[in-house]
């Protein structure tokens, strides 16, 4: 959309007057002013003043193929002219919807051959949550309704999604979590591992799941849900002992294993899905974000053969007006074609991912950095007041926000979660752009350390 200059100059006032932003204190935001992003190209975005930023966060973890891909725009335009919308209710579908389902499951794993479409990751969470309960009810176990998540996990902001996530500040609003949802610890060794080695801590926190199942009763627990790598919680990569133990416990205790692939899916880890990187196959997996690289809203739930056999044998009274929207499906198909033909997943695994890891780890020599974790093109950088003792800052949110703002001033978009700096750039990012990211972040850390000390 080309916006007239007269309108552009007044957008801030219009925004303040009418637009309520997600996850925002509107009083503070309106006082500070909104940053208006006007266009994107490759790994960069440009604001309405023409300032250029390297988007090292790919929008919100999602613009995997970068900005400005004309192929998607052309495919969407053609589909809009042919059939702009039809639903998947009442025994109907559209060609793009059906073909997208086939294309997604081709990459998901040998025992995942079905997908249920939604419009977002949050809706995908609500969908699998209901699906898990329906699954057990149809197997004659109606008491298996409880779901276990993790503290500091994130699964969206709908009522079920926010409840399943373990973000305290979200639970403080809207009388959450809802009944039937419980939480165990997160595999955040740096902050919570104490004197244990990462391997020991990984087993310890995984076994909290077993203890929680015993506490609630196996016949009452439907599923355990977790992100392969915690995203909004800080890009927390679990110790190598964690996922094998979780897989063992879920199998032994007969509960569904749900991998939230909304962030990790579609190449970000250097595998098509995060569960593949860690060597397990889930029963259910919500997806979104990288499915269309954010070009249009589309999400879904990957459904294992085990669950699909039950769900497809009876009515599943759930769905959305726009489930499998044909225009969104075309955008996703074209996005996946680009990932495949340009071998971007392999590029993350073999080229840019290792380069990013080396560059990211180089920041460990900074006095302020205690840990640098990364998998593929996901990075979490832990700031510390005393890196030798893992002592953290008294006001971690203030430190993270300060460093993030310094990066933005210098033309680098990153995210701060408390005292962790997060990166999740487009899969097309170049070596030179990674170098710019790291050097700019180092300059911001230098300024912060000087100020804090």
Protein backbone atom coordinates (compact mmCIF):
# COMPACT_ATOMS: atom_id res chain seq x y z
CA UNK A 1 0.00 0.00 0.00
CA UNK A 2 1.35 3.41 -0.97
CA UNK A 3 0.36 5.87 1.72
CA UNK A 4 0.17 9.59 0.84
CA UNK A 5 2.80 11.74 2.56
CA UNK A 6 0.13 13.85 4.26
CA UNK A 7 -1.31 10.74 5.87
CA UNK A 8 2.12 9.35 6.77
CA UNK A 9 2.97 12.49 8.70
CA UNK A 10 -0.15 12.07 10.79
CA UNK A 11 -0.06 8.30 11.36
CA UNK A 12 1.37 8.60 14.87
CA UNK A 13 -1.56 10.71 16.02
CA UNK A 14 -4.06 8.43 14.29
CA UNK A 15 -2.45 5.38 15.90
CA UNK A 16 -2.53 6.93 19.37
CA UNK A 17 -6.18 7.89 18.95
CA UNK A 18 -7.55 4.58 17.68
CA UNK A 19 -5.15 1.60 17.81
CA UNK A 20 -4.76 -0.58 20.91
CA UNK A 21 -1.50 -2.52 20.50
CA UNK A 22 -0.81 -6.09 21.68
CA UNK A 23 1.06 -6.50 24.98
CA UNK A 24 1.38 -2.73 25.49
CA UNK A 25 0.89 -0.09 28.15
CA UNK A 26 -0.88 2.34 25.83
CA UNK A 27 -0.31 5.35 28.08
CA UNK A 28 3.46 4.83 27.95
CA UNK A 29 3.44 3.90 24.27
CA UNK A 30 1.48 6.96 23.22
CA UNK A 31 3.75 9.20 25.29
CA UNK A 32 6.86 7.71 23.65
CA UNK A 33 5.38 7.54 20.15
CA UNK A 34 4.88 4.57 17.83
CA UNK A 35 7.57 3.41 15.41
CA UNK A 36 5.86 3.10 12.04
CA UNK A 37 7.34 0.47 9.71
CA UNK A 38 6.54 1.23 6.07
CA UNK A 39 8.30 -1.37 3.94
CA UNK A 40 10.62 -4.37 3.94
CA UNK A 41 13.28 -5.79 1.67
CA UNK A 42 15.35 -8.91 2.26
CA UNK A 43 16.43 -8.92 5.90
CA UNK A 44 15.71 -5.21 6.38
CA UNK A 45 12.74 -3.03 7.26
CA UNK A 46 12.35 0.72 6.79
CA UNK A 47 10.34 3.15 8.89
CA UNK A 48 8.26 6.03 7.58
CA UNK A 49 11.26 8.35 7.89
CA UNK A 50 13.33 6.12 5.64
CA UNK A 51 15.55 4.73 8.43
CA UNK A 52 16.86 1.24 7.67
CA UNK A 53 16.97 -1.55 10.25
CA UNK A 54 18.38 -5.07 10.10
CA UNK A 55 15.47 -7.16 11.34
CA UNK A 56 17.32 -9.71 13.43
CA UNK A 57 14.02 -10.92 14.79
CA UNK A 58 12.24 -11.70 11.50
CA UNK A 59 9.15 -9.77 12.52
CA UNK A 60 8.01 -12.04 15.35
CA UNK A 61 10.14 -15.10 14.65
CA UNK A 62 8.30 -15.59 11.36
CA UNK A 63 9.62 -13.90 8.19
CA UNK A 64 11.83 -16.87 7.33
CA UNK A 65 12.21 -16.14 3.62
CA UNK A 66 12.70 -12.40 4.13
CA UNK A 67 10.68 -9.43 2.96
CA UNK A 68 9.58 -8.50 -0.54
CA UNK A 69 9.20 -11.91 -2.21
CA UNK A 70 7.21 -11.09 -5.32
CA UNK A 71 6.44 -14.76 -5.94
CA UNK A 72 4.09 -14.85 -2.97
CA UNK A 73 2.37 -11.61 -3.94
CA UNK A 74 1.79 -12.91 -7.47
CA UNK A 75 0.44 -16.26 -6.25
CA UNK A 76 -1.89 -14.56 -3.78
CA UNK A 77 -3.16 -12.15 -6.46
CA UNK A 78 -3.92 -15.00 -8.85
CA UNK A 79 -5.78 -16.97 -6.17
CA UNK A 80 -7.81 -13.92 -5.14
CA UNK A 81 -8.96 -13.51 -8.71
CA UNK A 82 -9.89 -17.19 -9.01
CA UNK A 83 -11.43 -17.87 -5.58
CA UNK A 84 -10.86 -15.36 -2.77
CA UNK A 85 -12.55 -17.47 -0.11
CA UNK A 86 -14.48 -20.60 0.62
CA UNK A 87 -14.85 -22.63 3.79
CA UNK A 88 -13.95 -26.21 4.68
CA UNK A 89 -17.25 -26.94 6.43
CA UNK A 90 -20.10 -29.12 5.08
CA UNK A 91 -17.90 -31.53 3.17
CA UNK A 92 -16.05 -28.98 1.04
CA UNK A 93 -12.47 -27.85 0.53
CA UNK A 94 -10.42 -25.88 -1.99
CA UNK A 95 -7.42 -27.03 -4.07
CA UNK A 96 -4.83 -24.88 -2.22
CA UNK A 97 -6.04 -26.08 1.18
CA UNK A 98 -5.72 -29.73 0.26
CA UNK A 99 -2.37 -29.32 -1.46
CA UNK A 100 -0.97 -27.39 1.50
CA UNK A 101 -1.88 -30.21 3.87
CA UNK A 102 0.02 -32.66 1.68
CA UNK A 103 3.02 -30.36 1.42
CA UNK A 104 3.31 -29.75 5.17
CA UNK A 105 3.13 -33.36 6.30
CA UNK A 106 5.73 -34.36 3.71
CA UNK A 107 8.28 -32.73 6.02
CA UNK A 108 6.79 -33.57 9.42
CA UNK A 109 7.87 -37.17 9.98
CA UNK A 110 6.76 -40.69 9.02
CA UNK A 111 4.00 -40.92 11.63
CA UNK A 112 2.51 -37.45 11.11
CA UNK A 113 0.20 -37.45 8.10
CA UNK A 114 -2.64 -35.08 8.97
CA UNK A 115 -3.10 -31.38 9.67
CA UNK A 116 -6.00 -29.30 11.00
CA UNK A 117 -5.89 -25.68 9.80
CA UNK A 118 -6.25 -22.58 11.95
CA UNK A 119 -5.45 -18.90 11.50
CA UNK A 120 -2.70 -18.47 14.12
CA UNK A 121 -0.50 -20.24 16.62
CA UNK A 122 -2.81 -19.27 19.46
CA UNK A 123 -5.77 -20.85 17.69
CA UNK A 124 -3.66 -23.91 16.97
CA UNK A 125 -3.06 -24.22 20.72
CA UNK A 126 -6.77 -24.03 21.49
CA UNK A 127 -7.35 -26.65 18.79
CA UNK A 128 -4.92 -29.29 20.02
CA UNK A 129 -6.07 -28.64 23.61
CA UNK A 130 -9.62 -29.65 22.67
CA UNK A 131 -8.39 -32.41 20.37
CA UNK A 132 -6.39 -34.06 23.16
CA UNK A 133 -9.41 -34.15 25.46
CA UNK A 134 -11.68 -35.46 22.70
CA UNK A 135 -9.11 -38.13 21.85
CA UNK A 136 -9.08 -39.59 25.34
CA UNK A 137 -12.86 -39.31 25.74
CA UNK A 138 -13.38 -41.39 22.59
CA UNK A 139 -10.98 -43.99 23.96
CA UNK A 140 -13.17 -44.37 27.02
CA UNK A 141 -10.98 -42.28 29.34
CA UNK A 142 -13.01 -39.09 29.89
CA UNK A 143 -11.14 -38.20 33.09
CA UNK A 144 -7.91 -37.62 31.14
CA UNK A 145 -8.45 -33.88 30.71
CA UNK A 146 -5.59 -32.19 32.57
CA UNK A 147 -2.63 -30.73 30.68
CA UNK A 148 0.84 -30.02 32.05
CA UNK A 149 2.91 -27.12 30.69
CA UNK A 150 6.07 -25.37 31.84
CA UNK A 151 6.71 -22.22 33.81
CA UNK A 152 8.00 -19.50 31.49
CA UNK A 153 6.70 -21.37 28.45
CA UNK A 154 4.65 -19.54 25.84
CA UNK A 155 1.74 -20.92 23.82
CA UNK A 156 -0.17 -17.86 22.69
CA UNK A 157 -2.53 -15.40 24.32
CA UNK A 158 -6.01 -16.89 23.93
CA UNK A 159 -7.60 -18.11 27.16
CA UNK A 160 -6.33 -21.67 26.71
CA UNK A 161 -3.00 -20.55 25.23
CA UNK A 162 -2.21 -18.06 27.98
CA UNK A 163 -3.23 -20.63 30.60
CA UNK A 164 -1.03 -23.35 29.13
CA UNK A 165 1.90 -20.96 28.98
CA UNK A 166 3.71 -20.24 32.21
CA UNK A 167 4.04 -16.45 32.04
CA UNK A 168 3.05 -15.03 35.45
CA UNK A 169 2.29 -11.57 34.12
CA UNK A 170 -0.26 -13.09 31.74
CA UNK A 171 -1.89 -15.14 34.48
CA UNK A 172 -2.42 -11.98 36.51
CA UNK A 173 -5.09 -10.81 34.05
CA UNK A 174 -8.34 -12.53 33.21
CA UNK A 175 -8.47 -15.07 36.07
CA UNK A 176 -5.93 -17.44 34.52
CA UNK A 177 -4.94 -20.19 34.29
CA UNK A 178 -8.23 -21.97 33.67
CA UNK A 179 -9.05 -25.17 35.51
CA UNK A 180 -7.21 -28.33 34.56
CA UNK A 181 -3.86 -26.80 33.64
CA UNK A 182 -0.70 -27.34 35.70
CA UNK A 183 2.95 -26.35 35.35
CA UNK A 184 6.38 -27.75 36.07
CA UNK A 185 9.85 -26.19 35.89
CA UNK A 186 11.70 -25.09 32.79
CA UNK A 187 15.10 -26.41 31.59
CA UNK A 188 16.83 -23.06 32.23
CA UNK A 189 20.17 -24.25 33.57
CA UNK A 190 21.90 -20.85 33.75
CA UNK A 191 19.30 -19.35 36.05
CA UNK A 192 18.07 -22.39 37.95
CA UNK A 193 20.67 -25.16 37.64
CA UNK A 194 22.60 -24.31 40.79
CA UNK A 195 25.56 -26.64 41.31
CA UNK A 196 24.24 -29.32 38.96
CA UNK A 197 25.84 -29.90 35.59
CA UNK A 198 23.58 -29.12 32.61
CA UNK A 199 23.13 -32.87 32.01
CA UNK A 200 22.14 -33.49 35.63
CA UNK A 201 19.80 -30.53 35.62
CA UNK A 202 18.16 -31.65 32.38
CA UNK A 203 17.22 -34.98 33.95
CA UNK A 204 16.10 -33.35 37.18
CA UNK A 205 13.70 -30.91 35.57
CA UNK A 206 12.38 -33.51 33.10
CA UNK A 207 11.55 -35.80 36.00
CA UNK A 208 9.37 -33.09 37.47
CA UNK A 209 6.91 -34.19 34.81
CA UNK A 210 6.84 -37.71 36.24
CA UNK A 211 6.31 -36.34 39.74
CA UNK A 212 3.48 -34.09 38.58
CA UNK A 213 1.76 -36.99 36.79
CA UNK A 214 1.99 -39.02 40.02
CA UNK A 215 0.53 -36.09 41.95
CA UNK A 216 -2.41 -35.58 39.58
CA UNK A 217 -2.95 -39.24 38.69
CA UNK A 218 -2.10 -40.75 35.32
CA UNK A 219 -5.78 -41.33 34.54
CA UNK A 220 -6.39 -37.59 34.83
CA UNK A 221 -3.57 -36.27 32.59
CA UNK A 222 -4.17 -35.87 28.87
CA UNK A 223 -0.96 -34.27 27.63
CA UNK A 224 2.30 -32.47 28.25
CA UNK A 225 3.14 -29.45 26.09
CA UNK A 226 6.45 -27.69 25.58
CA UNK A 227 8.36 -25.75 22.94
CA UNK A 228 11.39 -27.71 21.66
CA UNK A 229 13.33 -24.51 22.41
CA UNK A 230 11.63 -21.90 24.58
CA UNK A 231 11.14 -18.82 22.42
CA UNK A 232 9.52 -15.90 24.23
CA UNK A 233 10.93 -17.27 27.48
CA UNK A 234 14.43 -16.40 26.29
CA UNK A 235 15.61 -18.86 23.60
CA UNK A 236 16.35 -21.41 26.29
CA UNK A 237 17.96 -24.48 24.76
CA UNK A 238 17.40 -27.51 27.01
CA UNK A 239 20.31 -29.73 28.06
CA UNK A 240 20.83 -32.74 25.82
CA UNK A 241 19.43 -35.07 28.50
CA UNK A 242 16.08 -33.29 28.65
CA UNK A 243 14.05 -34.36 25.61
CA UNK A 244 14.98 -38.07 25.67
CA UNK A 245 13.75 -38.23 29.26
CA UNK A 246 10.53 -36.34 28.47
CA UNK A 247 9.88 -38.72 25.58
CA UNK A 248 10.42 -41.73 27.87
CA UNK A 249 8.09 -40.39 30.55
CA UNK A 250 5.24 -39.57 28.16
CA UNK A 251 5.43 -43.02 26.59
CA UNK A 252 5.66 -44.82 29.93
CA UNK A 253 2.78 -42.87 31.48
CA UNK A 254 0.53 -42.90 28.41
CA UNK A 255 0.07 -39.17 27.96
CA UNK A 256 0.20 -37.25 24.70
CA UNK A 257 3.40 -35.36 23.91
CA UNK A 258 2.72 -31.97 22.31
CA UNK A 259 5.59 -30.05 20.70
CA UNK A 260 4.78 -26.37 20.17
CA UNK A 261 6.42 -25.78 16.78
CA UNK A 262 5.00 -22.29 16.21
CA UNK A 263 8.50 -20.75 16.44
CA UNK A 264 10.79 -23.72 15.83
CA UNK A 265 8.99 -25.01 12.74
CA UNK A 266 9.88 -24.54 9.07
CA UNK A 267 13.64 -24.40 9.19
CA UNK A 268 14.57 -22.14 12.06
CA UNK A 269 16.58 -24.81 13.88
CA UNK A 270 18.24 -26.19 10.74
CA UNK A 271 15.67 -28.99 10.62
CA UNK A 272 12.16 -28.65 9.24
CA UNK A 273 10.84 -28.91 12.80
CA UNK A 274 12.32 -28.55 16.26
CA UNK A 275 11.25 -32.04 17.30
CA UNK A 276 13.39 -33.44 14.50
CA UNK A 277 16.41 -31.53 15.79
CA UNK A 278 15.96 -33.15 19.21
CA UNK A 279 15.13 -36.60 17.86
CA UNK A 280 11.53 -37.22 18.91
CA UNK A 281 8.13 -37.30 17.24
CA UNK A 282 5.16 -35.63 18.97
CA UNK A 283 1.55 -36.73 19.03
CA UNK A 284 0.37 -33.18 18.25
CA UNK A 285 2.22 -30.06 17.13
CA UNK A 286 0.80 -26.56 16.63
CA UNK A 287 2.40 -24.60 13.77
CA UNK A 288 2.13 -21.06 12.35
CA UNK A 289 4.64 -18.20 11.81
CA UNK A 290 7.17 -19.72 9.37
CA UNK A 291 4.39 -21.64 7.61
CA UNK A 292 3.74 -18.54 5.48
CA UNK A 293 6.74 -16.48 6.66
CA UNK A 294 4.13 -14.12 8.06
CA UNK A 295 2.94 -13.04 4.62
CA UNK A 296 -0.64 -14.04 5.50
CA UNK A 297 -2.10 -15.45 8.74
CA UNK A 298 -2.25 -19.24 8.70
CA UNK A 299 -1.61 -21.92 11.30
CA UNK A 300 -2.47 -25.49 12.03
CA UNK A 301 -1.99 -28.57 14.16
CA UNK A 302 0.11 -31.49 12.94
CA UNK A 303 -1.71 -34.64 14.01
CA UNK A 304 0.05 -37.98 14.45
CA UNK A 305 -1.43 -41.15 13.02
CA UNK A 306 -2.13 -42.31 16.57
CA UNK A 307 -4.40 -39.35 17.26
CA UNK A 308 -5.78 -38.97 13.74
CA UNK A 309 -7.06 -42.56 13.75
CA UNK A 310 -9.37 -41.65 16.63
CA UNK A 311 -10.27 -38.07 15.69
CA UNK A 312 -11.16 -38.95 12.08
CA UNK A 313 -13.38 -41.83 13.15
CA UNK A 314 -15.99 -39.54 14.70
CA UNK A 315 -17.20 -35.93 14.79
CA UNK A 316 -14.72 -33.30 15.95
CA UNK A 317 -16.93 -30.29 16.58
CA UNK A 318 -14.33 -27.59 16.21
CA UNK A 319 -13.19 -25.18 13.50
CA UNK A 320 -12.93 -21.62 12.26
CA UNK A 321 -14.55 -19.63 9.46
CA UNK A 322 -11.14 -19.19 7.88
CA UNK A 323 -9.70 -22.66 8.56
CA UNK A 324 -7.75 -23.52 5.42
CA UNK A 325 -8.44 -20.16 3.78
CA UNK A 326 -7.46 -20.65 0.12
CA UNK A 327 -5.53 -17.39 -0.28
CA UNK A 328 -3.56 -17.98 2.92
CA UNK A 329 -2.95 -21.56 1.80
CA UNK A 330 -1.50 -20.36 -1.50
CA UNK A 331 0.84 -18.00 0.34
CA UNK A 332 2.00 -20.90 2.52
CA UNK A 333 2.47 -23.24 -0.46
CA UNK A 334 4.61 -20.67 -2.24
CA UNK A 335 6.59 -20.02 0.94
CA UNK A 336 7.30 -23.73 1.37
CA UNK A 337 8.28 -23.99 -2.29
CA UNK A 338 10.86 -21.25 -1.75
CA UNK A 339 12.20 -23.00 1.36
CA UNK A 340 12.53 -26.23 -0.61
CA UNK A 341 13.92 -24.94 -3.91
CA UNK A 342 16.37 -22.48 -2.36
CA UNK A 343 17.34 -25.14 0.21
CA UNK A 344 17.03 -22.63 3.04
CA UNK A 345 16.59 -25.29 5.73
CA UNK A 346 19.82 -26.92 4.61
CA UNK A 347 21.47 -23.49 4.47
CA UNK A 348 20.59 -22.93 8.12
CA UNK A 349 21.94 -26.35 9.04
CA UNK A 350 25.17 -26.25 7.03
CA UNK A 351 26.11 -22.62 6.40
CA UNK A 352 24.47 -19.62 8.01
CA UNK A 353 23.51 -21.45 11.22
CA UNK A 354 27.09 -22.45 12.07
CA UNK A 355 28.32 -18.99 11.06
CA UNK A 356 25.71 -17.37 13.29
CA UNK A 357 26.68 -19.68 16.18
CA UNK A 358 30.35 -18.75 15.88
CA UNK A 359 29.60 -15.04 15.70
CA UNK A 360 27.08 -15.22 18.55
CA UNK A 361 29.51 -17.18 20.76
CA UNK A 362 32.23 -14.59 20.15
CA UNK A 363 30.31 -12.31 22.53
CA UNK A 364 31.18 -14.63 25.42
CA UNK A 365 34.43 -12.69 25.87
CA UNK A 366 32.41 -9.65 26.94
CA UNK A 367 32.41 -8.94 30.68
CA UNK A 368 28.62 -8.69 30.64
CA UNK A 369 27.85 -12.00 28.89
CA UNK A 370 27.56 -15.24 30.83
CA UNK A 371 26.08 -17.58 28.24
CA UNK A 372 25.51 -17.64 24.48
CA UNK A 373 23.08 -20.33 23.29
CA UNK A 374 21.99 -20.93 19.74
CA UNK A 375 20.47 -23.57 17.50
CA UNK A 376 20.18 -22.81 13.80
CA UNK A 377 19.04 -19.20 13.62
CA UNK A 378 17.74 -18.88 17.17
CA UNK A 379 20.01 -17.22 19.71
CA UNK A 380 19.76 -16.39 23.41
CA UNK A 381 22.45 -14.22 25.00
CA UNK A 382 22.49 -14.18 28.81
CA UNK A 383 23.66 -10.98 30.45
CA UNK A 384 25.17 -11.21 33.92
CA UNK A 385 26.41 -8.83 36.58
CA UNK A 386 29.09 -11.36 37.57
CA UNK A 387 29.60 -14.06 34.96
CA UNK A 388 31.91 -16.11 37.20
CA UNK A 389 29.18 -16.71 39.77
CA UNK A 390 26.19 -16.44 37.36
CA UNK A 391 24.95 -13.49 39.40
CA UNK A 392 22.23 -11.63 37.51
CA UNK A 393 21.18 -7.99 37.58
CA UNK A 394 18.79 -6.70 40.23
CA UNK A 395 16.50 -5.26 37.55
CA UNK A 396 16.89 -7.61 34.57
CA UNK A 397 14.04 -6.08 32.54
CA UNK A 398 15.61 -2.64 32.71
CA UNK A 399 18.98 -3.96 31.51
CA UNK A 400 17.52 -5.88 28.61
CA UNK A 401 15.33 -2.98 27.50
CA UNK A 402 18.29 -0.58 27.68
CA UNK A 403 20.47 -2.77 25.44
CA UNK A 404 17.61 -3.44 23.02
CA UNK A 405 16.89 0.27 22.66
CA UNK A 406 20.55 1.00 21.96
CA UNK A 407 20.49 -1.62 19.21
CA UNK A 408 17.36 -0.09 17.67
CA UNK A 409 18.98 3.37 17.69
CA UNK A 410 21.85 1.84 15.71
CA UNK A 411 19.55 0.21 13.16
CA UNK A 412 19.28 -3.31 14.62
CA UNK A 413 15.99 -4.91 15.67
CA UNK A 414 16.42 -7.42 18.47
CA UNK A 415 14.31 -8.58 21.39
CA UNK A 416 14.99 -8.56 25.10
CA UNK A 417 13.40 -11.00 27.53
CA UNK A 418 14.52 -9.85 30.95
CA UNK A 419 18.32 -9.99 30.92
CA UNK A 420 18.53 -12.17 27.80
CA UNK A 421 18.98 -10.73 24.32
CA UNK A 422 17.24 -12.75 21.61
CA UNK A 423 17.88 -13.07 17.90
CA UNK A 424 15.84 -14.89 15.27
CA UNK A 425 16.76 -13.44 11.88
CA UNK A 426 15.38 -14.39 8.45
CA UNK A 427 16.84 -17.59 7.06
CA UNK A 428 18.23 -15.57 4.14
CA UNK A 429 20.44 -13.37 6.35
CA UNK A 430 23.98 -13.02 4.95
CA UNK A 431 27.31 -13.48 6.69
CA UNK A 432 27.91 -9.72 6.43
CA UNK A 433 24.55 -9.00 8.06
CA UNK A 434 25.36 -11.41 10.90
CA UNK A 435 28.64 -9.52 11.40
CA UNK A 436 26.72 -6.23 11.58
CA UNK A 437 24.33 -7.73 14.12
CA UNK A 438 27.12 -8.95 16.38
CA UNK A 439 29.24 -5.81 16.18
CA UNK A 440 26.25 -3.55 16.82
CA UNK A 441 25.19 -5.66 19.78
CA UNK A 442 28.73 -5.56 21.17
CA UNK A 443 28.73 -1.76 20.98
CA UNK A 444 25.42 -1.66 22.85
CA UNK A 445 26.77 -4.04 25.50
CA UNK A 446 29.88 -1.88 25.92
CA UNK A 447 27.72 1.18 26.51
CA UNK A 448 25.48 -0.69 28.95
CA UNK A 449 28.38 -2.15 30.92
CA UNK A 450 30.02 1.27 31.24
CA UNK A 451 26.74 2.74 32.47
CA UNK A 452 25.99 -0.08 34.91
CA UNK A 453 29.45 -0.32 36.40
